[in-house]
Amino acid sequence: MNTLSLVKRRSSIRASHADGPLTAPIGLALIDEHRLLRETLAAMFDAEPGFSVVASSPNVDEALDIVRDLLPQIVLLDVGLGDHRTLTAARTLRLRLPDAKVIITGVLPTHEGIADLVRAGTSGFIMRDATSDEFFDTIHQVAAGTRVLPGALTSSLFEQIVDADGHDAKRDRAMREAVRVTAREQEVINALAEGLSNKAIAKRMNIAVHTVKSHVHNVLEKLALNSRLEVAAFTHAASRDNGDSRPPF
């Protein structure tokens, strides 16, 4: 007996809102090993105008055999298939149903797991404790071409990005602080931190302006910076981290 249960729905056009214009429903395919969850989701979408469940299955391969001609817009794929089968399923769906968008449902994966699923072509995530409105809203957004992450996940990813940026900034600063500069170049760096012009630096150091320009050029190259303003900002940041006014080199 085929384990796939094809859920037939009305093919006629339905209203997306009670008082709104008539629009074609969003075709959905449900892939989840838990029959009760599939039936619950199918009933929820069946009661909501604007959605049509065209197939429900615990198995990706069997679902693909049926939905190939039905062309669902959205595939809801359970993250709990286990043994990396969800990731494999996401890749298979993107290859064999390139026009369908995959939304992962269930318990929130790890950051690494989420990254792998996104690379596999996943367009959205819906956590198992999501409300029906969150289900509907996410599906509408993904169908419209938006990639969607749960709010809790978005916050944690922002923190991860900020931490990574902070680590990169400290690493870059440490690399620059390891650069050896001459005594003259250090004088130029300190003068740049004060905001002095090349002419003012030349007067202070009693050297020619073109010599100052040469020193500035060398400083920018050694520190891998692009402008005298960046040199000043870097110098102030290094002094602040040192807790005093010592030069960074």
C-alpha atoms as a PDB file:
ATOM      1  CA  MET A   1       0.000   0.000   0.000  1.00  0.00           C
ATOM      2  CA  ASN A   2       1.333   3.372  -0.941  1.00  0.00           C
ATOM      3  CA  THR A   3       2.167   5.317   2.217  1.00  0.00           C
ATOM      4  CA  LEU A   4       1.542   8.587   0.460  1.00  0.00           C
ATOM      5  CA  SER A   5      -1.826  10.126   1.126  1.00  0.00           C
ATOM      6  CA  LEU A   6      -2.907  12.540  -1.537  1.00  0.00           C
ATOM      7  CA  VAL A   7      -5.099  15.207   0.002  1.00  0.00           C
ATOM      8  CA  LYS A   8      -7.573  16.398  -2.604  1.00  0.00           C
ATOM      9  CA  ARG A   9      -8.730  19.963  -2.472  1.00  0.00           C
ATOM     10  CA  ARG A  10     -11.060  22.090  -4.544  1.00  0.00           C
ATOM     11  CA  SER A  11      -9.356  23.177  -7.757  1.00  0.00           C
ATOM     12  CA  SER A  12     -11.634  26.149  -8.189  1.00  0.00           C
ATOM     13  CA  ILE A  13     -10.332  29.608  -7.352  1.00  0.00           C
ATOM     14  CA  ARG A  14     -10.841  30.582  -3.723  1.00  0.00           C
ATOM     15  CA  ALA A  15     -10.862  33.951  -2.018  1.00  0.00           C
ATOM     16  CA  SER A  16      -7.653  34.873  -0.216  1.00  0.00           C
ATOM     17  CA  HIS A  17      -9.685  37.122   2.114  1.00  0.00           C
ATOM     18  CA  ALA A  18     -13.394  37.187   2.782  1.00  0.00           C
ATOM     19  CA  ASP A  19     -13.862  40.628   1.257  1.00  0.00           C
ATOM     20  CA  GLY A  20     -10.797  40.640  -0.982  1.00  0.00           C
ATOM     21  CA  PRO A  21     -10.243  39.689  -4.602  1.00  0.00           C
ATOM     22  CA  LEU A  22     -10.361  36.091  -5.744  1.00  0.00           C
ATOM     23  CA  THR A  23      -6.885  34.608  -6.085  1.00  0.00           C
ATOM     24  CA  ALA A  24      -5.480  31.160  -6.761  1.00  0.00           C
ATOM     25  CA  PRO A  25      -4.650  29.390  -3.478  1.00  0.00           C
ATOM     26  CA  ILE A  26      -1.052  28.688  -2.553  1.00  0.00           C
ATOM     27  CA  GLY A  27      -0.408  25.012  -3.238  1.00  0.00           C
ATOM     28  CA  LEU A  28       1.239  23.203  -0.328  1.00  0.00           C
ATOM     29  CA  ALA A  29       2.935  19.828   0.047  1.00  0.00           C
ATOM     30  CA  LEU A  30       3.431  18.511   3.598  1.00  0.00           C
ATOM     31  CA  ILE A  31       6.310  16.134   4.343  1.00  0.00           C
ATOM     32  CA  ASP A  32       6.417  14.949   7.941  1.00  0.00           C
ATOM     33  CA  GLU A  33       6.904  11.497   9.457  1.00  0.00           C
ATOM     34  CA  HIS A  34       4.231  12.146  12.096  1.00  0.00           C
ATOM     35  CA  ARG A  35       0.791  11.423  10.695  1.00  0.00           C
ATOM     36  CA  LEU A  36      -1.022  13.398  13.402  1.00  0.00           C
ATOM     37  CA  LEU A  37       1.011  16.513  12.685  1.00  0.00           C
ATOM     38  CA  ARG A  38       0.402  16.193   8.955  1.00  0.00           C
ATOM     39  CA  GLU A  39      -3.320  15.833   9.505  1.00  0.00           C
ATOM     40  CA  THR A  40      -3.374  18.750  11.933  1.00  0.00           C
ATOM     41  CA  LEU A  41      -1.569  21.002   9.497  1.00  0.00           C
ATOM     42  CA  ALA A  42      -3.753  19.878   6.604  1.00  0.00           C
ATOM     43  CA  ALA A  43      -6.891  20.674   8.615  1.00  0.00           C
ATOM     44  CA  MET A  44      -5.515  24.074   9.598  1.00  0.00           C
ATOM     45  CA  PHE A  45      -4.734  25.043   6.013  1.00  0.00           C
ATOM     46  CA  ASP A  46      -8.011  23.576   4.733  1.00  0.00           C
ATOM     47  CA  ALA A  47      -9.882  25.931   7.065  1.00  0.00           C
ATOM     48  CA  GLU A  48      -7.945  28.984   5.880  1.00  0.00           C
ATOM     49  CA  PRO A  49      -8.875  30.614   2.555  1.00  0.00           C
ATOM     50  CA  GLY A  50      -5.915  31.081   0.248  1.00  0.00           C
ATOM     51  CA  PHE A  51      -4.206  27.722   0.853  1.00  0.00           C
ATOM     52  CA  SER A  52      -4.601  24.330  -0.762  1.00  0.00           C
ATOM     53  CA  VAL A  53      -2.812  21.182   0.466  1.00  0.00           C
ATOM     54  CA  VAL A  54      -2.133  19.145  -2.661  1.00  0.00           C
ATOM     55  CA  ALA A  55      -0.175  16.329  -0.991  1.00  0.00           C
ATOM     56  CA  SER A  56       0.745  14.988   2.430  1.00  0.00           C
ATOM     57  CA  SER A  57       3.411  12.359   2.957  1.00  0.00           C
ATOM     58  CA  PRO A  58       5.974  10.981   5.417  1.00  0.00           C
ATOM     59  CA  ASN A  59       8.375  10.293   2.559  1.00  0.00           C
ATOM     60  CA  VAL A  60      10.095  12.683   0.150  1.00  0.00           C
ATOM     61  CA  ASP A  61      10.451  10.281  -2.770  1.00  0.00           C
ATOM     62  CA  GLU A  62       6.791   9.266  -2.695  1.00  0.00           C
ATOM     63  CA  ALA A  63       5.708  12.868  -2.344  1.00  0.00           C
ATOM     64  CA  LEU A  64       7.752  13.797  -5.395  1.00  0.00           C
ATOM     65  CA  ASP A  65       6.099  11.054  -7.439  1.00  0.00           C
ATOM     66  CA  ILE A  66       2.693  12.617  -6.796  1.00  0.00           C
ATOM     67  CA  VAL A  67       3.420  16.346  -6.717  1.00  0.00           C
ATOM     68  CA  ARG A  68       5.504  16.407  -9.887  1.00  0.00           C
ATOM     69  CA  ASP A  69       2.407  17.262 -11.918  1.00  0.00           C
ATOM     70  CA  LEU A  70       0.682  19.254  -9.164  1.00  0.00           C
ATOM     71  CA  LEU A  71       3.571  21.719  -8.837  1.00  0.00           C
ATOM     72  CA  PRO A  72       3.116  23.007  -5.267  1.00  0.00           C
ATOM     73  CA  GLN A  73       4.456  26.490  -4.590  1.00  0.00           C
ATOM     74  CA  ILE A  74       5.539  25.625  -1.064  1.00  0.00           C
ATOM     75  CA  VAL A  75       6.864  22.416   0.511  1.00  0.00           C
ATOM     76  CA  LEU A  76       6.730  22.216   4.307  1.00  0.00           C
ATOM     77  CA  LEU A  77       9.546  19.856   5.299  1.00  0.00           C
ATOM     78  CA  ASP A  78       9.957  18.492   8.832  1.00  0.00           C
ATOM     79  CA  VAL A  79      13.391  19.094  10.317  1.00  0.00           C
ATOM     80  CA  GLY A  80      13.093  15.966  12.464  1.00  0.00           C
ATOM     81  CA  LEU A  81      13.580  13.354   9.745  1.00  0.00           C
ATOM     82  CA  GLY A  82      16.954  12.594  11.318  1.00  0.00           C
ATOM     83  CA  ASP A  83      20.309  11.251  10.077  1.00  0.00           C
ATOM     84  CA  HIS A  84      20.753  14.292   7.820  1.00  0.00           C
ATOM     85  CA  ARG A  85      17.738  13.149   5.796  1.00  0.00           C
ATOM     86  CA  THR A  86      16.133  16.581   6.057  1.00  0.00           C
ATOM     87  CA  LEU A  87      19.195  18.177   4.475  1.00  0.00           C
ATOM     88  CA  THR A  88      19.246  15.556   1.715  1.00  0.00           C
ATOM     89  CA  ALA A  89      15.515  16.011   1.199  1.00  0.00           C
ATOM     90  CA  ALA A  90      15.900  19.797   0.891  1.00  0.00           C
ATOM     91  CA  ARG A  91      18.570  19.362  -1.776  1.00  0.00           C
ATOM     92  CA  THR A  92      16.467  16.800  -3.638  1.00  0.00           C
ATOM     93  CA  LEU A  93      13.412  19.040  -3.592  1.00  0.00           C
ATOM     94  CA  ARG A  94      15.365  21.993  -4.969  1.00  0.00           C
ATOM     95  CA  LEU A  95      16.722  19.835  -7.785  1.00  0.00           C
ATOM     96  CA  ARG A  96      13.498  18.089  -8.734  1.00  0.00           C
ATOM     97  CA  LEU A  97      11.053  20.903  -7.941  1.00  0.00           C
ATOM     98  CA  PRO A  98      13.102  24.032  -8.719  1.00  0.00           C
ATOM     99  CA  ASP A  99      10.046  26.307  -8.767  1.00  0.00           C
ATOM    100  CA  ALA A 100       8.867  25.215  -5.315  1.00  0.00           C
ATOM    101  CA  LYS A 101      10.129  26.925  -2.168  1.00  0.00           C
ATOM    102  CA  VAL A 102      11.056  24.815   0.854  1.00  0.00           C
ATOM    103  CA  ILE A 103      10.149  25.824   4.415  1.00  0.00           C
ATOM    104  CA  ILE A 104      11.612  23.839   7.300  1.00  0.00           C
ATOM    105  CA  THR A 105       9.254  23.147  10.210  1.00  0.00           C
ATOM    106  CA  GLY A 106       9.849  21.753  13.685  1.00  0.00           C
ATOM    107  CA  VAL A 107      12.447  22.194  16.410  1.00  0.00           C
ATOM    108  CA  LEU A 108      14.985  24.915  15.694  1.00  0.00           C
ATOM    109  CA  PRO A 109      18.232  23.431  14.311  1.00  0.00           C
ATOM    110  CA  THR A 110      21.708  24.529  15.364  1.00  0.00           C
ATOM    111  CA  HIS A 111      23.295  27.522  13.627  1.00  0.00           C
ATOM    112  CA  GLU A 112      25.449  25.122  11.623  1.00  0.00           C
ATOM    113  CA  GLY A 113      22.389  23.078  10.645  1.00  0.00           C
ATOM    114  CA  ILE A 114      20.520  26.205   9.602  1.00  0.00           C
ATOM    115  CA  ALA A 115      23.453  27.345   7.470  1.00  0.00           C
ATOM    116  CA  ASP A 116      23.577  23.959   5.736  1.00  0.00           C
ATOM    117  CA  LEU A 117      19.822  24.053   5.062  1.00  0.00           C
ATOM    118  CA  VAL A 118      20.032  27.576   3.648  1.00  0.00           C
ATOM    119  CA  ARG A 119      22.862  26.499   1.342  1.00  0.00           C
ATOM    120  CA  ALA A 120      20.674  23.576   0.252  1.00  0.00           C
ATOM    121  CA  GLY A 121      18.048  26.046  -0.947  1.00  0.00           C
ATOM    122  CA  THR A 122      15.697  26.399   2.024  1.00  0.00           C
ATOM    123  CA  SER A 123      13.696  29.639   1.938  1.00  0.00           C
ATOM    124  CA  GLY A 124      12.205  29.768   5.433  1.00  0.00           C
ATOM    125  CA  PHE A 125      11.864  28.274   8.887  1.00  0.00           C
ATOM    126  CA  ILE A 126       8.795  27.853  11.088  1.00  0.00           C
ATOM    127  CA  MET A 127       9.289  26.713  14.665  1.00  0.00           C
ATOM    128  CA  ARG A 128       6.985  24.008  16.020  1.00  0.00           C
ATOM    129  CA  ASP A 129       5.481  26.334  18.629  1.00  0.00           C
ATOM    130  CA  ALA A 130       4.537  28.912  15.992  1.00  0.00           C
ATOM    131  CA  THR A 131       0.959  30.181  15.916  1.00  0.00           C
ATOM    132  CA  SER A 132      -1.285  29.580  12.936  1.00  0.00           C
ATOM    133  CA  ASP A 133      -0.900  33.249  11.991  1.00  0.00           C
ATOM    134  CA  GLU A 134       2.882  32.828  11.982  1.00  0.00           C
ATOM    135  CA  PHE A 135       2.499  29.797   9.711  1.00  0.00           C
ATOM    136  CA  PHE A 136       0.283  31.734   7.299  1.00  0.00           C
ATOM    137  CA  ASP A 137       2.440  34.880   7.346  1.00  0.00           C
ATOM    138  CA  THR A 138       5.700  32.983   6.759  1.00  0.00           C
ATOM    139  CA  ILE A 139       4.219  31.040   3.858  1.00  0.00           C
ATOM    140  CA  HIS A 140       2.875  34.223   2.252  1.00  0.00           C
ATOM    141  CA  GLN A 141       6.269  35.929   2.600  1.00  0.00           C
ATOM    142  CA  VAL A 142       8.202  32.968   1.188  1.00  0.00           C
ATOM    143  CA  ALA A 143       5.727  32.585  -1.681  1.00  0.00           C
ATOM    144  CA  ALA A 144       6.361  36.265  -2.468  1.00  0.00           C
ATOM    145  CA  GLY A 145      10.108  35.658  -2.647  1.00  0.00           C
ATOM    146  CA  THR A 146      11.241  36.654   0.856  1.00  0.00           C
ATOM    147  CA  ARG A 147      13.520  34.450   2.959  1.00  0.00           C
ATOM    148  CA  VAL A 148      12.245  34.168   6.511  1.00  0.00           C
ATOM    149  CA  LEU A 149      13.899  33.286   9.809  1.00  0.00           C
ATOM    150  CA  PRO A 150      12.144  33.021  13.206  1.00  0.00           C
ATOM    151  CA  GLY A 151      12.523  36.101  15.402  1.00  0.00           C
ATOM    152  CA  ALA A 152      14.497  34.262  18.104  1.00  0.00           C
ATOM    153  CA  LEU A 153      16.916  32.953  15.524  1.00  0.00           C
ATOM    154  CA  THR A 154      17.352  36.350  13.911  1.00  0.00           C
ATOM    155  CA  SER A 155      18.406  37.866  17.252  1.00  0.00           C
ATOM    156  CA  SER A 156      20.927  35.127  17.977  1.00  0.00           C
ATOM    157  CA  LEU A 157      22.413  35.390  14.472  1.00  0.00           C
ATOM    158  CA  PHE A 158      22.790  39.148  14.868  1.00  0.00           C
ATOM    159  CA  GLU A 159      24.700  38.534  18.113  1.00  0.00           C
ATOM    160  CA  GLN A 160      26.866  35.956  16.384  1.00  0.00           C
ATOM    161  CA  ILE A 161      27.676  38.384  13.559  1.00  0.00           C
ATOM    162  CA  VAL A 162      28.509  41.186  16.014  1.00  0.00           C
ATOM    163  CA  ASP A 163      30.782  38.859  18.006  1.00  0.00           C
ATOM    164  CA  ALA A 164      32.500  37.735  14.809  1.00  0.00           C
ATOM    165  CA  ASP A 165      32.991  41.326  13.661  1.00  0.00           C
ATOM    166  CA  GLY A 166      34.432  42.247  17.043  1.00  0.00           C
ATOM    167  CA  HIS A 167      36.827  39.307  16.874  1.00  0.00           C
ATOM    168  CA  ASP A 168      37.903  40.294  13.348  1.00  0.00           C
ATOM    169  CA  ALA A 169      38.460  43.907  14.413  1.00  0.00           C
ATOM    170  CA  LYS A 170      40.660  42.839  17.339  1.00  0.00           C
ATOM    171  CA  ARG A 171      42.569  40.464  15.088  1.00  0.00           C
ATOM    172  CA  ASP A 172      43.175  43.197  12.501  1.00  0.00           C
ATOM    173  CA  ARG A 173      44.259  45.611  15.211  1.00  0.00           C
ATOM    174  CA  ALA A 174      46.679  43.077  16.653  1.00  0.00           C
ATOM    175  CA  MET A 175      48.173  42.507  13.205  1.00  0.00           C
ATOM    176  CA  ARG A 176      48.652  46.245  12.706  1.00  0.00           C
ATOM    177  CA  GLU A 177      50.164  46.668  16.154  1.00  0.00           C
ATOM    178  CA  ALA A 178      52.689  43.966  15.256  1.00  0.00           C
ATOM    179  CA  VAL A 179      53.928  46.096  12.330  1.00  0.00           C
ATOM    180  CA  ARG A 180      57.269  47.792  12.911  1.00  0.00           C
ATOM    181  CA  VAL A 181      57.425  51.487  12.069  1.00  0.00           C
ATOM    182  CA  THR A 182      60.371  53.854  12.217  1.00  0.00           C
ATOM    183  CA  ALA A 183      60.657  56.638  14.775  1.00  0.00           C
ATOM    184  CA  ARG A 184      59.884  59.184  12.051  1.00  0.00           C
ATOM    185  CA  GLU A 185      56.812  57.245  10.925  1.00  0.00           C
ATOM    186  CA  GLN A 186      55.630  57.088  14.525  1.00  0.00           C
ATOM    187  CA  GLU A 187      55.928  60.875  14.748  1.00  0.00           C
ATOM    188  CA  VAL A 188      53.853  61.163  11.576  1.00  0.00           C
ATOM    189  CA  ILE A 189      51.234  58.752  12.969  1.00  0.00           C
ATOM    190  CA  ASN A 190      50.962  60.810  16.169  1.00  0.00           C
ATOM    191  CA  ALA A 191      50.634  64.007  14.146  1.00  0.00           C
ATOM    192  CA  LEU A 192      47.914  62.460  11.972  1.00  0.00           C
ATOM    193  CA  ALA A 193      46.069  61.452  15.129  1.00  0.00           C
ATOM    194  CA  GLU A 194      46.085  65.135  16.100  1.00  0.00           C
ATOM    195  CA  GLY A 195      44.586  66.010  12.742  1.00  0.00           C
ATOM    196  CA  LEU A 196      47.574  68.000  11.485  1.00  0.00           C
ATOM    197  CA  SER A 197      47.998  68.743   7.790  1.00  0.00           C
ATOM    198  CA  ASN A 198      51.075  67.708   5.833  1.00  0.00           C
ATOM    199  CA  LYS A 199      52.344  71.297   5.953  1.00  0.00           C
ATOM    200  CA  ALA A 200      51.895  71.485   9.742  1.00  0.00           C
ATOM    201  CA  ILE A 201      53.622  68.120  10.191  1.00  0.00           C
ATOM    202  CA  ALA A 202      56.519  69.284   8.015  1.00  0.00           C
ATOM    203  CA  LYS A 203      56.916  72.431  10.123  1.00  0.00           C
ATOM    204  CA  ARG A 204      56.807  70.489  13.399  1.00  0.00           C
ATOM    205  CA  MET A 205      59.312  67.873  12.237  1.00  0.00           C
ATOM    206  CA  ASN A 206      61.433  70.396  10.306  1.00  0.00           C
ATOM    207  CA  ILE A 207      61.295  68.346   7.104  1.00  0.00           C
ATOM    208  CA  ALA A 208      59.995  68.969   3.579  1.00  0.00           C
ATOM    209  CA  VAL A 209      56.304  68.496   2.754  1.00  0.00           C
ATOM    210  CA  HIS A 210      57.114  65.898   0.094  1.00  0.00           C
ATOM    211  CA  THR A 211      59.007  63.927   2.755  1.00  0.00           C
ATOM    212  CA  VAL A 212      55.890  63.988   4.954  1.00  0.00           C
ATOM    213  CA  LYS A 213      53.843  62.700   2.033  1.00  0.00           C
ATOM    214  CA  SER A 214      56.326  59.848   1.609  1.00  0.00           C
ATOM    215  CA  HIS A 215      56.059  58.964   5.305  1.00  0.00           C
ATOM    216  CA  VAL A 216      52.244  59.045   5.150  1.00  0.00           C
ATOM    217  CA  HIS A 217      52.294  56.757   2.119  1.00  0.00           C
ATOM    218  CA  ASN A 218      54.545  54.279   3.928  1.00  0.00           C
ATOM    219  CA  VAL A 219      52.371  54.361   7.054  1.00  0.00           C
ATOM    220  CA  LEU A 220      49.215  53.619   5.061  1.00  0.00           C
ATOM    221  CA  GLU A 221      50.878  50.681   3.341  1.00  0.00           C
ATOM    222  CA  LYS A 222      52.292  49.196   6.540  1.00  0.00           C
ATOM    223  CA  LEU A 223      49.005  49.490   8.423  1.00  0.00           C
ATOM    224  CA  ALA A 224      46.897  48.390   5.412  1.00  0.00           C
ATOM    225  CA  LEU A 225      44.727  51.487   5.806  1.00  0.00           C
ATOM    226  CA  ASN A 226      43.228  53.717   3.122  1.00  0.00           C
ATOM    227  CA  SER A 227      43.340  57.256   4.493  1.00  0.00           C
ATOM    228  CA  ARG A 228      44.895  59.514   7.125  1.00  0.00           C
ATOM    229  CA  LEU A 229      41.515  59.574   8.878  1.00  0.00           C
ATOM    230  CA  GLU A 230      41.680  55.798   9.303  1.00  0.00           C
ATOM    231  CA  VAL A 231      45.180  56.168  10.773  1.00  0.00           C
ATOM    232  CA  ALA A 232      43.828  58.674  13.302  1.00  0.00           C
ATOM    233  CA  ALA A 233      40.875  56.452  14.199  1.00  0.00           C
ATOM    234  CA  PHE A 234      43.123  53.421  14.598  1.00  0.00           C
ATOM    235  CA  THR A 235      45.567  55.342  16.805  1.00  0.00           C
ATOM    236  CA  HIS A 236      42.812  56.619  19.102  1.00  0.00           C
ATOM    237  CA  ALA A 237      41.278  53.138  19.374  1.00  0.00           C
ATOM    238  CA  ALA A 238      44.632  51.565  20.207  1.00  0.00           C
ATOM    239  CA  SER A 239      45.338  54.193  22.868  1.00  0.00           C
ATOM    240  CA  ARG A 240      41.885  53.671  24.373  1.00  0.00           C
ATOM    241  CA  ASP A 241      42.407  49.903  24.540  1.00  0.00           C
ATOM    242  CA  ASN A 242      45.802  50.436  26.211  1.00  0.00           C
ATOM    243  CA  GLY A 243      44.069  52.510  28.858  1.00  0.00           C
ATOM    244  CA  ASP A 244      46.472  55.436  28.440  1.00  0.00           C
ATOM    245  CA  SER A 245      47.940  57.703  25.815  1.00  0.00           C
ATOM    246  CA  ARG A 246      50.818  55.433  24.828  1.00  0.00           C
ATOM    247  CA  PRO A 247      51.442  55.208  21.080  1.00  0.00           C
ATOM    248  CA  PRO A 248      50.180  51.964  19.467  1.00  0.00           C
ATOM    249  CA  PHE A 249      53.670  50.880  18.336  1.00  0.00           C
END
